[in-house]
């Protein structure tokens, strides 16, 4: 393409492909491009179930698997953009797979149903309420 055509539309890649770290940054999975590159180097981002490097090019239709903290997100690349736009525009660059969405919702439900860690603590000084209950039991 000529310089004038790319200068008029800088956000769209000319050949519908873009570096993985740039795409992850533009799609708002990571706050900075260098952070996206670090996560790719650590092996936390896979393209089509293969390890990738930050310079690997993504194309529409590729499946990108992103592991962050304790959750894995699998998305299909729908669009390519070299610029970081607002969140609604960035969300149009990918589509989460139904399996990934179901697994994420199941994990969220399991976290919601998990017992509160503080409820399992039984040692320590009794609260005022506990002391009142003990006193009422002793009086009976």
N, C-alpha and C. Protein backbone atom coordinates (compact mmCIF):
# COMPACT_ATOMS: atom_id res chain seq x y z
N UNK A 1 0.84 -1.18 0.00
CA UNK A 1 0.00 0.00 0.00
C UNK A 1 0.88 1.24 0.00
N UNK A 2 0.34 2.31 -0.47
CA UNK A 2 1.10 3.55 -0.49
C UNK A 2 1.03 4.22 0.87
N UNK A 3 1.92 5.17 1.08
CA UNK A 3 1.96 5.88 2.36
C UNK A 3 0.67 6.63 2.63
N UNK A 4 0.09 7.20 1.60
CA UNK A 4 -1.10 8.02 1.81
C UNK A 4 -2.29 7.19 2.30
N UNK A 5 -2.44 5.96 1.80
CA UNK A 5 -3.59 5.17 2.22
C UNK A 5 -3.45 4.68 3.66
N UNK A 6 -2.24 4.34 4.11
CA UNK A 6 -2.07 3.92 5.50
C UNK A 6 -2.11 5.11 6.44
N UNK A 7 -1.71 6.26 5.97
CA UNK A 7 -1.75 7.45 6.83
C UNK A 7 -3.18 7.89 7.09
N UNK A 8 -4.09 7.65 6.12
CA UNK A 8 -5.47 8.08 6.32
C UNK A 8 -6.22 7.17 7.29
N UNK A 9 -5.78 5.94 7.44
CA UNK A 9 -6.45 5.00 8.33
C UNK A 9 -5.41 4.23 9.13
N UNK A 10 -4.80 4.85 10.14
CA UNK A 10 -3.69 4.22 10.84
C UNK A 10 -4.09 3.07 11.74
N UNK A 11 -5.35 2.93 12.11
CA UNK A 11 -5.76 1.90 13.05
C UNK A 11 -5.94 0.53 12.43
N UNK A 12 -6.07 0.46 11.12
CA UNK A 12 -6.32 -0.81 10.46
C UNK A 12 -5.03 -1.31 9.84
N UNK A 13 -4.68 -2.55 10.15
CA UNK A 13 -3.47 -3.14 9.58
C UNK A 13 -3.71 -3.43 8.11
N UNK A 14 -2.67 -3.25 7.31
CA UNK A 14 -2.83 -3.35 5.87
C UNK A 14 -3.10 -4.78 5.40
N UNK A 15 -2.46 -5.78 5.99
CA UNK A 15 -2.60 -7.15 5.50
C UNK A 15 -3.44 -8.02 6.43
N UNK A 16 -4.25 -7.41 7.31
CA UNK A 16 -5.10 -8.16 8.24
C UNK A 16 -4.29 -9.11 9.11
N UNK A 17 -3.15 -8.65 9.57
CA UNK A 17 -2.35 -9.40 10.54
C UNK A 17 -1.58 -8.40 11.38
N UNK A 18 -1.28 -8.81 12.61
CA UNK A 18 -0.65 -7.89 13.55
C UNK A 18 0.12 -8.70 14.58
N UNK A 19 1.16 -8.10 15.14
CA UNK A 19 1.93 -8.76 16.19
C UNK A 19 1.00 -9.12 17.35
N UNK A 20 1.26 -10.24 17.98
CA UNK A 20 0.43 -10.72 19.08
C UNK A 20 0.40 -9.74 20.24
N UNK A 21 1.56 -9.21 20.63
CA UNK A 21 1.58 -8.30 21.77
C UNK A 21 0.82 -7.01 21.48
N UNK A 22 0.88 -6.53 20.25
CA UNK A 22 0.12 -5.33 19.89
C UNK A 22 -1.38 -5.61 19.91
N UNK A 23 -1.77 -6.78 19.42
CA UNK A 23 -3.19 -7.12 19.39
C UNK A 23 -3.75 -7.27 20.80
N UNK A 24 -2.99 -7.95 21.69
CA UNK A 24 -3.44 -8.11 23.07
C UNK A 24 -3.60 -6.76 23.76
N UNK A 25 -2.70 -5.84 23.45
CA UNK A 25 -2.77 -4.49 24.02
C UNK A 25 -3.97 -3.74 23.45
N UNK A 26 -4.17 -3.81 22.13
CA UNK A 26 -5.27 -3.10 21.49
C UNK A 26 -6.63 -3.67 21.91
N UNK A 27 -6.68 -4.98 22.18
CA UNK A 27 -7.93 -5.61 22.61
C UNK A 27 -8.17 -5.46 24.10
N UNK A 28 -7.27 -4.76 24.78
CA UNK A 28 -7.39 -4.41 26.20
C UNK A 28 -7.32 -5.61 27.15
N UNK A 29 -6.57 -6.63 26.77
CA UNK A 29 -6.32 -7.73 27.70
C UNK A 29 -5.23 -7.35 28.69
N UNK A 30 -4.30 -6.50 28.25
CA UNK A 30 -3.21 -6.03 29.10
C UNK A 30 -3.09 -4.52 28.97
N UNK A 31 -2.65 -3.89 30.05
CA UNK A 31 -2.62 -2.43 30.11
C UNK A 31 -1.51 -1.84 29.24
N UNK A 32 -0.37 -2.53 29.15
CA UNK A 32 0.72 -2.03 28.32
C UNK A 32 1.17 -3.12 27.36
N UNK A 33 1.79 -2.70 26.28
CA UNK A 33 2.28 -3.66 25.30
C UNK A 33 3.43 -4.48 25.88
N UNK A 34 4.27 -3.85 26.69
CA UNK A 34 5.39 -4.59 27.28
C UNK A 34 4.89 -5.65 28.26
N UNK A 35 3.82 -5.36 28.99
CA UNK A 35 3.23 -6.36 29.89
C UNK A 35 2.65 -7.52 29.08
N UNK A 36 2.03 -7.22 27.95
CA UNK A 36 1.51 -8.27 27.08
C UNK A 36 2.66 -9.13 26.55
N UNK A 37 3.76 -8.50 26.17
CA UNK A 37 4.92 -9.25 25.67
C UNK A 37 5.51 -10.14 26.75
N UNK A 38 5.55 -9.65 27.99
CA UNK A 38 6.08 -10.46 29.10
C UNK A 38 5.21 -11.69 29.33
N UNK A 39 3.91 -11.52 29.29
CA UNK A 39 3.00 -12.65 29.52
C UNK A 39 3.11 -13.68 28.39
N UNK A 40 3.31 -13.22 27.17
CA UNK A 40 3.49 -14.14 26.05
C UNK A 40 4.80 -14.91 26.23
N UNK A 41 5.85 -14.22 26.63
CA UNK A 41 7.15 -14.87 26.86
C UNK A 41 7.07 -15.91 27.96
N UNK A 42 6.24 -15.68 28.97
CA UNK A 42 6.08 -16.64 30.07
C UNK A 42 5.25 -17.85 29.67
N UNK A 43 4.68 -17.84 28.48
CA UNK A 43 3.89 -18.97 28.01
C UNK A 43 2.45 -18.93 28.46
N UNK A 44 1.97 -17.79 28.87
CA UNK A 44 0.59 -17.67 29.35
C UNK A 44 -0.39 -17.35 28.23
N UNK A 45 0.11 -17.16 27.02
CA UNK A 45 -0.75 -16.88 25.87
C UNK A 45 -0.39 -17.87 24.77
N UNK A 46 -1.40 -18.58 24.26
CA UNK A 46 -1.20 -19.56 23.19
C UNK A 46 -2.03 -19.14 21.99
N UNK A 47 -1.51 -19.42 20.80
CA UNK A 47 -2.26 -19.20 19.57
C UNK A 47 -2.49 -20.56 18.94
N UNK A 48 -3.74 -20.91 18.72
CA UNK A 48 -4.12 -22.20 18.15
C UNK A 48 -3.43 -23.35 18.89
N UNK A 49 -3.43 -23.27 20.22
CA UNK A 49 -2.84 -24.29 21.11
C UNK A 49 -1.34 -24.48 20.91
N UNK A 50 -0.65 -23.45 20.46
CA UNK A 50 0.81 -23.50 20.31
C UNK A 50 1.42 -22.32 21.03
N UNK A 51 2.59 -22.56 21.65
CA UNK A 51 3.31 -21.46 22.28
C UNK A 51 3.66 -20.43 21.22
N UNK A 52 3.67 -19.18 21.62
CA UNK A 52 3.93 -18.11 20.67
C UNK A 52 4.95 -17.15 21.25
N UNK A 53 5.50 -16.34 20.37
CA UNK A 53 6.38 -15.26 20.79
C UNK A 53 5.63 -13.96 20.56
N UNK A 54 6.07 -12.87 21.21
CA UNK A 54 5.35 -11.60 21.06
C UNK A 54 5.25 -11.12 19.61
N UNK A 55 6.22 -11.48 18.77
CA UNK A 55 6.22 -11.01 17.38
C UNK A 55 5.38 -11.89 16.46
N UNK A 56 4.83 -12.96 16.97
CA UNK A 56 3.99 -13.84 16.15
C UNK A 56 2.77 -13.07 15.68
N UNK A 57 2.41 -13.26 14.43
CA UNK A 57 1.29 -12.51 13.87
C UNK A 57 -0.02 -13.25 14.09
N UNK A 58 -1.04 -12.49 14.46
CA UNK A 58 -2.38 -13.05 14.60
C UNK A 58 -3.21 -12.59 13.41
N UNK A 59 -4.13 -13.44 13.02
CA UNK A 59 -5.02 -13.15 11.90
C UNK A 59 -6.45 -13.42 12.35
N UNK A 60 -7.42 -12.83 11.70
CA UNK A 60 -8.81 -13.14 12.04
C UNK A 60 -9.08 -14.64 11.89
N UNK A 61 -9.76 -15.20 12.88
CA UNK A 61 -10.05 -16.63 12.87
C UNK A 61 -9.15 -17.42 13.80
N UNK A 62 -8.01 -16.85 14.21
CA UNK A 62 -7.11 -17.54 15.14
C UNK A 62 -7.77 -17.66 16.51
N UNK A 63 -7.45 -18.74 17.22
CA UNK A 63 -7.92 -18.95 18.59
C UNK A 63 -6.78 -18.59 19.53
N UNK A 64 -7.02 -17.64 20.42
CA UNK A 64 -6.00 -17.19 21.38
C UNK A 64 -6.47 -17.61 22.77
N UNK A 65 -5.60 -18.33 23.48
CA UNK A 65 -5.90 -18.76 24.85
C UNK A 65 -5.05 -17.93 25.80
N UNK A 66 -5.71 -17.21 26.72
CA UNK A 66 -5.04 -16.30 27.64
C UNK A 66 -5.27 -16.80 29.06
N UNK A 67 -4.18 -17.00 29.80
CA UNK A 67 -4.28 -17.45 31.20
C UNK A 67 -3.88 -16.29 32.09
N UNK A 68 -4.83 -15.85 32.92
CA UNK A 68 -4.56 -14.77 33.88
C UNK A 68 -5.04 -15.23 35.25
N UNK A 69 -4.13 -15.16 36.21
CA UNK A 69 -4.40 -15.60 37.59
C UNK A 69 -4.90 -17.03 37.56
N UNK A 70 -6.12 -17.30 37.97
CA UNK A 70 -6.61 -18.67 38.01
C UNK A 70 -7.64 -18.97 36.93
N UNK A 71 -7.79 -18.09 35.96
CA UNK A 71 -8.78 -18.34 34.93
C UNK A 71 -8.14 -18.35 33.54
N UNK A 72 -8.72 -19.17 32.67
CA UNK A 72 -8.25 -19.28 31.29
C UNK A 72 -9.37 -18.78 30.39
N UNK A 73 -9.02 -17.89 29.48
CA UNK A 73 -10.00 -17.32 28.56
C UNK A 73 -9.59 -17.69 27.14
N UNK A 74 -10.51 -18.22 26.37
CA UNK A 74 -10.23 -18.61 25.00
C UNK A 74 -11.08 -17.75 24.09
N UNK A 75 -10.42 -17.01 23.19
CA UNK A 75 -11.14 -16.09 22.31
C UNK A 75 -10.76 -16.34 20.86
N UNK A 76 -11.69 -16.01 19.97
CA UNK A 76 -11.44 -16.08 18.53
C UNK A 76 -11.22 -14.66 18.03
N UNK A 77 -10.15 -14.46 17.29
CA UNK A 77 -9.83 -13.14 16.76
C UNK A 77 -10.83 -12.80 15.66
N UNK A 78 -11.54 -11.68 15.83
CA UNK A 78 -12.52 -11.24 14.83
C UNK A 78 -12.00 -10.08 14.01
N UNK A 79 -11.14 -9.27 14.60
CA UNK A 79 -10.65 -8.10 13.89
C UNK A 79 -9.24 -7.75 14.33
N UNK A 80 -8.61 -6.89 13.55
CA UNK A 80 -7.25 -6.46 13.81
C UNK A 80 -7.23 -4.95 13.90
N UNK A 81 -6.58 -4.44 14.95
CA UNK A 81 -6.43 -3.00 15.11
C UNK A 81 -5.09 -2.74 15.77
N UNK A 82 -4.35 -1.79 15.23
CA UNK A 82 -3.04 -1.45 15.78
C UNK A 82 -3.13 -0.34 16.82
N UNK A 83 -4.32 0.25 16.98
CA UNK A 83 -4.48 1.33 17.96
C UNK A 83 -5.39 0.85 19.08
N UNK A 84 -5.15 1.36 20.26
CA UNK A 84 -5.95 1.00 21.43
C UNK A 84 -7.12 1.96 21.51
N UNK A 85 -8.31 1.45 21.34
CA UNK A 85 -9.49 2.29 21.37
C UNK A 85 -10.27 2.09 22.64
N UNK A 86 -11.47 2.65 22.71
CA UNK A 86 -12.31 2.47 23.90
C UNK A 86 -12.74 1.01 24.04
N UNK A 87 -13.16 0.64 25.23
CA UNK A 87 -13.49 -0.75 25.53
C UNK A 87 -14.56 -1.35 24.60
N UNK A 88 -15.63 -0.62 24.26
CA UNK A 88 -16.62 -1.22 23.35
C UNK A 88 -16.04 -1.55 21.98
N UNK A 89 -15.12 -0.72 21.50
CA UNK A 89 -14.48 -0.98 20.21
C UNK A 89 -13.52 -2.16 20.34
N UNK A 90 -12.79 -2.21 21.45
CA UNK A 90 -11.84 -3.31 21.67
C UNK A 90 -12.56 -4.64 21.79
N UNK A 91 -13.75 -4.65 22.35
CA UNK A 91 -14.51 -5.90 22.51
C UNK A 91 -14.94 -6.47 21.16
N UNK A 92 -14.98 -5.65 20.13
CA UNK A 92 -15.34 -6.14 18.80
C UNK A 92 -14.18 -6.83 18.10
N UNK A 93 -12.98 -6.75 18.67
CA UNK A 93 -11.82 -7.39 18.06
C UNK A 93 -11.77 -8.89 18.34
N UNK A 94 -12.56 -9.36 19.29
CA UNK A 94 -12.53 -10.78 19.65
C UNK A 94 -13.91 -11.25 20.05
N UNK A 95 -14.05 -12.57 20.10
CA UNK A 95 -15.29 -13.20 20.54
C UNK A 95 -14.91 -14.38 21.42
N UNK A 96 -15.40 -14.41 22.63
CA UNK A 96 -15.09 -15.51 23.54
C UNK A 96 -15.84 -16.76 23.10
N UNK A 97 -15.17 -17.89 23.13
CA UNK A 97 -15.81 -19.14 22.73
C UNK A 97 -16.84 -19.56 23.78
N UNK A 98 -17.89 -20.26 23.37
CA UNK A 98 -18.92 -20.68 24.33
C UNK A 98 -18.37 -21.57 25.45
N UNK A 99 -17.41 -22.45 25.12
CA UNK A 99 -16.82 -23.32 26.14
C UNK A 99 -16.08 -22.49 27.19
N UNK A 100 -15.35 -21.49 26.73
CA UNK A 100 -14.60 -20.62 27.64
C UNK A 100 -15.55 -19.84 28.54
N UNK A 101 -16.61 -19.31 27.95
CA UNK A 101 -17.58 -18.54 28.73
C UNK A 101 -18.25 -19.42 29.79
N UNK A 102 -18.62 -20.65 29.40
CA UNK A 102 -19.25 -21.56 30.36
C UNK A 102 -18.29 -21.94 31.48
N UNK A 103 -17.04 -22.19 31.16
CA UNK A 103 -16.05 -22.54 32.18
C UNK A 103 -15.81 -21.37 33.13
N UNK A 104 -15.76 -20.16 32.58
CA UNK A 104 -15.54 -18.97 33.41
C UNK A 104 -16.73 -18.74 34.35
N UNK A 105 -17.95 -18.91 33.83
CA UNK A 105 -19.14 -18.74 34.67
C UNK A 105 -19.22 -19.82 35.75
N UNK A 106 -18.83 -21.05 35.41
CA UNK A 106 -18.82 -22.13 36.39
C UNK A 106 -17.81 -21.84 37.51
N UNK A 107 -16.63 -21.35 37.13
CA UNK A 107 -15.61 -21.02 38.13
C UNK A 107 -16.09 -19.88 39.04
N UNK A 108 -16.78 -18.90 38.46
CA UNK A 108 -17.31 -17.79 39.26
C UNK A 108 -18.37 -18.29 40.24
N UNK A 109 -19.20 -19.21 39.79
CA UNK A 109 -20.24 -19.78 40.66
C UNK A 109 -19.61 -20.58 41.79
N UNK A 110 -18.56 -21.34 41.49
CA UNK A 110 -17.88 -22.12 42.52
C UNK A 110 -17.22 -21.20 43.56
N UNK A 111 -16.66 -20.08 43.10
CA UNK A 111 -16.07 -19.12 44.05
C UNK A 111 -17.15 -18.50 44.92
N UNK A 112 -18.32 -18.25 44.33
CA UNK A 112 -19.42 -17.65 45.08
C UNK A 112 -19.94 -18.61 46.15
N UNK A 113 -19.97 -19.89 45.83
CA UNK A 113 -20.50 -20.88 46.76
C UNK A 113 -19.47 -21.35 47.78
N UNK A 114 -18.21 -21.03 47.57
CA UNK A 114 -17.16 -21.46 48.50
C UNK A 114 -17.36 -20.78 49.85
N UNK A 115 -17.05 -21.48 50.94
CA UNK A 115 -17.24 -20.87 52.26
C UNK A 115 -16.26 -19.72 52.48
N UNK A 116 -16.72 -18.77 53.25
CA UNK A 116 -15.88 -17.63 53.60
C UNK A 116 -14.75 -18.13 54.50
N UNK A 117 -13.50 -17.79 54.20
CA UNK A 117 -12.39 -18.29 55.03
C UNK A 117 -12.51 -17.89 56.50
N UNK A 118 -13.05 -16.73 56.78
CA UNK A 118 -13.15 -16.28 58.17
C UNK A 118 -14.15 -17.11 58.97
N UNK A 119 -15.10 -17.76 58.30
CA UNK A 119 -16.09 -18.56 59.01
C UNK A 119 -15.50 -19.85 59.56
N UNK A 120 -14.40 -20.30 58.99
CA UNK A 120 -13.79 -21.54 59.45
C UNK A 120 -12.87 -21.34 60.64
N UNK A 121 -12.58 -20.09 60.98
CA UNK A 121 -11.71 -19.81 62.12
C UNK A 121 -12.53 -19.96 63.39
N UNK A 122 -12.17 -20.95 64.22
CA UNK A 122 -12.92 -21.16 65.45
C UNK A 122 -12.07 -20.84 66.68
N UNK A 123 -10.79 -20.71 66.49
CA UNK A 123 -9.92 -20.40 67.62
C UNK A 123 -9.93 -18.91 67.90
N UNK A 124 -9.41 -18.56 69.04
CA UNK A 124 -9.30 -17.15 69.38
C UNK A 124 -10.30 -16.75 70.44
N UNK A 125 -10.30 -15.51 70.75
CA UNK A 125 -11.15 -14.98 71.80
C UNK A 125 -12.61 -14.98 71.35
N UNK A 126 -13.52 -15.38 72.24
CA UNK A 126 -14.94 -15.35 71.87
C UNK A 126 -15.43 -13.90 71.73
N UNK A 127 -16.35 -13.71 70.83
CA UNK A 127 -16.94 -12.39 70.66
C UNK A 127 -17.94 -12.13 71.77
N UNK A 128 -18.42 -10.91 71.83
CA UNK A 128 -19.40 -10.55 72.86
C UNK A 128 -20.66 -11.41 72.71
N UNK A 129 -21.05 -11.65 71.49
CA UNK A 129 -22.22 -12.48 71.23
C UNK A 129 -21.98 -13.90 71.73
N UNK A 130 -20.78 -14.45 71.45
CA UNK A 130 -20.45 -15.79 71.93
C UNK A 130 -20.49 -15.86 73.45
N UNK A 131 -19.96 -14.84 74.11
CA UNK A 131 -19.94 -14.82 75.58
C UNK A 131 -21.36 -14.78 76.15
N UNK A 132 -22.24 -14.02 75.51
CA UNK A 132 -23.64 -13.96 75.97
C UNK A 132 -24.32 -15.31 75.81
N UNK A 133 -24.05 -15.99 74.70
CA UNK A 133 -24.64 -17.30 74.48
C UNK A 133 -24.14 -18.30 75.52
N UNK A 134 -22.83 -18.25 75.83
CA UNK A 134 -22.28 -19.13 76.85
C UNK A 134 -22.89 -18.84 78.22
N UNK A 135 -23.06 -17.57 78.52
CA UNK A 135 -23.65 -17.19 79.81
C UNK A 135 -25.09 -17.68 79.91
N UNK A 136 -25.84 -17.57 78.83
CA UNK A 136 -27.23 -18.02 78.87
C UNK A 136 -27.31 -19.54 79.01
N UNK A 137 -26.36 -20.26 78.45
CA UNK A 137 -26.33 -21.71 78.60
C UNK A 137 -25.99 -22.11 80.03
N UNK A 138 -25.10 -21.35 80.66
CA UNK A 138 -24.70 -21.66 82.03
C UNK A 138 -25.84 -21.41 83.02
N UNK A 139 -26.68 -20.41 82.75
CA UNK A 139 -27.78 -20.07 83.64
C UNK A 139 -28.87 -21.13 83.62
N UNK A 140 -28.99 -21.84 82.55
CA UNK A 140 -30.07 -22.82 82.41
C UNK A 140 -29.84 -24.04 83.20
